[in-house]
Amino acid sequence: MPWGKLRTMTDDLLLLVAMAGVLAGTYKIWQLSLDAREAANRIAKDTCSRAVVQFLDGTVAFAGFRVARDAAGRRRLLRTYTFDYTSDGFERSQGFIVLAGLRLEAVGLAGSPVGHSP
């Protein structure tokens, strides 16, 4: 009879450890996503400043992600963000940023690339 109780406690402990692992993994993914968004915000502000346009709304919006191969053939997660800006104070235009991790892959304003980081 005591072995049945011990088995239940072991199963409960295993479940608790598994749940803690899932929670830790989820937190790490969330933190990496926040870091990428902060990097995209900095890049959008810098891009708008260099192009002498006004960065609108003060933030970027997540537009999607995809998996692509880098120059070394490794698979990388590419995140795409969009942001709005204006050059004349009246008309809103949209720019984009593509990040691989926290590294800038591409940035553009209104369909024309502003810069590209190899």
Protein backbone atom coordinates (compact mmCIF):
# COMPACT_ATOMS: atom_id res chain seq x y z
CA MET A 1 0.00 0.00 0.00
CA PRO A 2 2.75 2.59 0.76
CA TRP A 3 4.24 2.08 -2.72
CA GLY A 4 1.02 3.25 -4.37
CA LYS A 5 1.16 6.48 -2.40
CA LEU A 6 4.85 6.94 -3.27
CA ARG A 7 4.09 6.42 -6.96
CA THR A 8 1.37 9.10 -6.83
CA MET A 9 3.80 11.54 -5.18
CA THR A 10 6.44 10.75 -7.83
CA ASP A 11 3.92 11.33 -10.62
CA ASP A 12 2.89 14.62 -9.01
CA LEU A 13 6.53 15.71 -8.73
CA LEU A 14 7.18 14.79 -12.37
CA LEU A 15 4.14 16.80 -13.43
CA LEU A 16 5.30 19.76 -11.35
CA VAL A 17 8.80 19.65 -12.89
CA ALA A 18 7.33 19.37 -16.41
CA MET A 19 5.02 22.34 -15.78
CA ALA A 20 7.93 24.40 -14.43
CA GLY A 21 9.90 23.58 -17.59
CA VAL A 22 7.04 24.63 -19.84
CA LEU A 23 6.60 27.84 -17.87
CA ALA A 24 10.33 28.64 -18.08
CA GLY A 25 10.35 27.97 -21.83
CA THR A 26 7.31 30.16 -22.38
CA TYR A 27 8.88 32.98 -20.38
CA LYS A 28 12.12 32.75 -22.41
CA ILE A 29 10.23 32.94 -25.72
CA TRP A 30 8.20 35.91 -24.43
CA GLN A 31 11.38 37.70 -23.27
CA LEU A 32 13.11 37.13 -26.64
CA SER A 33 10.04 38.54 -28.41
CA LEU A 34 10.08 41.65 -26.22
CA ASP A 35 13.80 42.15 -26.87
CA ALA A 36 13.24 41.88 -30.63
CA ARG A 37 10.39 44.40 -30.48
CA GLU A 38 12.55 46.86 -28.52
CA ALA A 39 15.31 46.48 -31.12
CA ALA A 40 12.76 47.07 -33.91
CA ASN A 41 11.53 50.23 -32.14
CA ARG A 42 15.08 51.58 -31.92
CA ILE A 43 15.72 50.79 -35.58
CA ALA A 44 12.45 52.44 -36.68
CA LYS A 45 13.26 55.60 -34.72
CA ASP A 46 16.80 55.75 -36.11
CA THR A 47 15.60 55.08 -39.67
CA CYS A 48 13.01 57.84 -39.48
CA SER A 49 15.52 60.23 -37.97
CA ARG A 50 18.07 59.57 -40.75
CA ALA A 51 15.37 59.89 -43.45
CA VAL A 52 14.12 63.16 -41.86
CA VAL A 53 10.56 61.89 -41.44
CA GLN A 54 8.36 61.72 -38.35
CA PHE A 55 7.95 58.33 -36.65
CA LEU A 56 4.24 57.99 -35.82
CA ASP A 57 2.57 56.22 -32.88
CA GLY A 58 5.95 55.66 -31.18
CA THR A 59 5.96 51.90 -31.73
CA VAL A 60 6.23 49.09 -34.25
CA ALA A 61 3.61 46.41 -34.92
CA PHE A 62 4.43 42.74 -35.31
CA ALA A 63 3.47 41.70 -38.85
CA GLY A 64 4.59 38.06 -38.88
CA PHE A 65 7.46 35.64 -38.91
CA ARG A 66 8.93 33.03 -41.18
CA VAL A 67 11.79 30.56 -41.18
CA ALA A 68 14.55 31.14 -43.74
CA ARG A 69 18.10 29.94 -44.29
CA ASP A 70 21.03 32.25 -43.67
CA ALA A 71 24.27 32.39 -45.70
CA ALA A 72 25.67 29.43 -43.72
CA GLY A 73 22.58 27.33 -44.49
CA ARG A 74 21.19 27.41 -40.94
CA ARG A 75 17.51 27.98 -40.39
CA ARG A 76 16.70 31.33 -38.78
CA LEU A 77 13.48 32.84 -37.53
CA LEU A 78 12.84 36.15 -39.30
CA ARG A 79 10.44 38.55 -37.61
CA THR A 80 8.79 41.33 -39.60
CA TYR A 81 7.55 44.54 -38.00
CA THR A 82 5.77 47.49 -39.58
CA PHE A 83 5.61 51.12 -38.50
CA ASP A 84 3.99 54.31 -39.70
CA TYR A 85 5.68 57.58 -40.52
CA THR A 86 4.92 60.86 -42.25
CA SER A 87 7.09 63.14 -44.30
CA ASP A 88 4.64 66.03 -44.56
CA GLY A 89 2.52 65.76 -41.40
CA PHE A 90 -0.61 64.82 -43.36
CA GLU A 91 -0.08 61.59 -45.26
CA ARG A 92 0.69 58.37 -43.41
CA SER A 93 3.17 55.92 -44.97
CA GLN A 94 4.32 52.52 -43.79
CA GLY A 95 7.81 51.17 -43.26
CA PHE A 96 9.04 47.71 -42.40
CA ILE A 97 11.82 46.01 -40.46
CA VAL A 98 13.00 42.41 -40.76
CA LEU A 99 15.04 40.97 -37.88
CA ALA A 100 16.89 37.65 -37.56
CA GLY A 101 17.09 37.33 -33.80
CA LEU A 102 18.14 40.85 -32.82
CA ARG A 103 20.15 41.39 -36.01
CA LEU A 104 18.79 43.72 -38.69
CA GLU A 105 18.21 41.98 -42.02
CA ALA A 106 16.31 44.72 -43.87
CA VAL A 107 14.52 48.01 -43.32
CA GLY A 108 12.50 50.08 -45.73
CA LEU A 109 10.26 53.12 -46.04
CA ALA A 110 7.22 53.14 -48.37
CA GLY A 111 8.45 50.27 -50.53
CA SER A 112 11.99 51.57 -51.03
CA PRO A 113 14.75 49.98 -48.94
CA VAL A 114 16.60 52.47 -46.74
CA GLY A 115 19.36 50.13 -45.66
CA HIS A 116 20.33 46.53 -45.51
CA SER A 117 22.62 44.83 -43.05
CA PRO A 118 24.39 41.76 -44.49
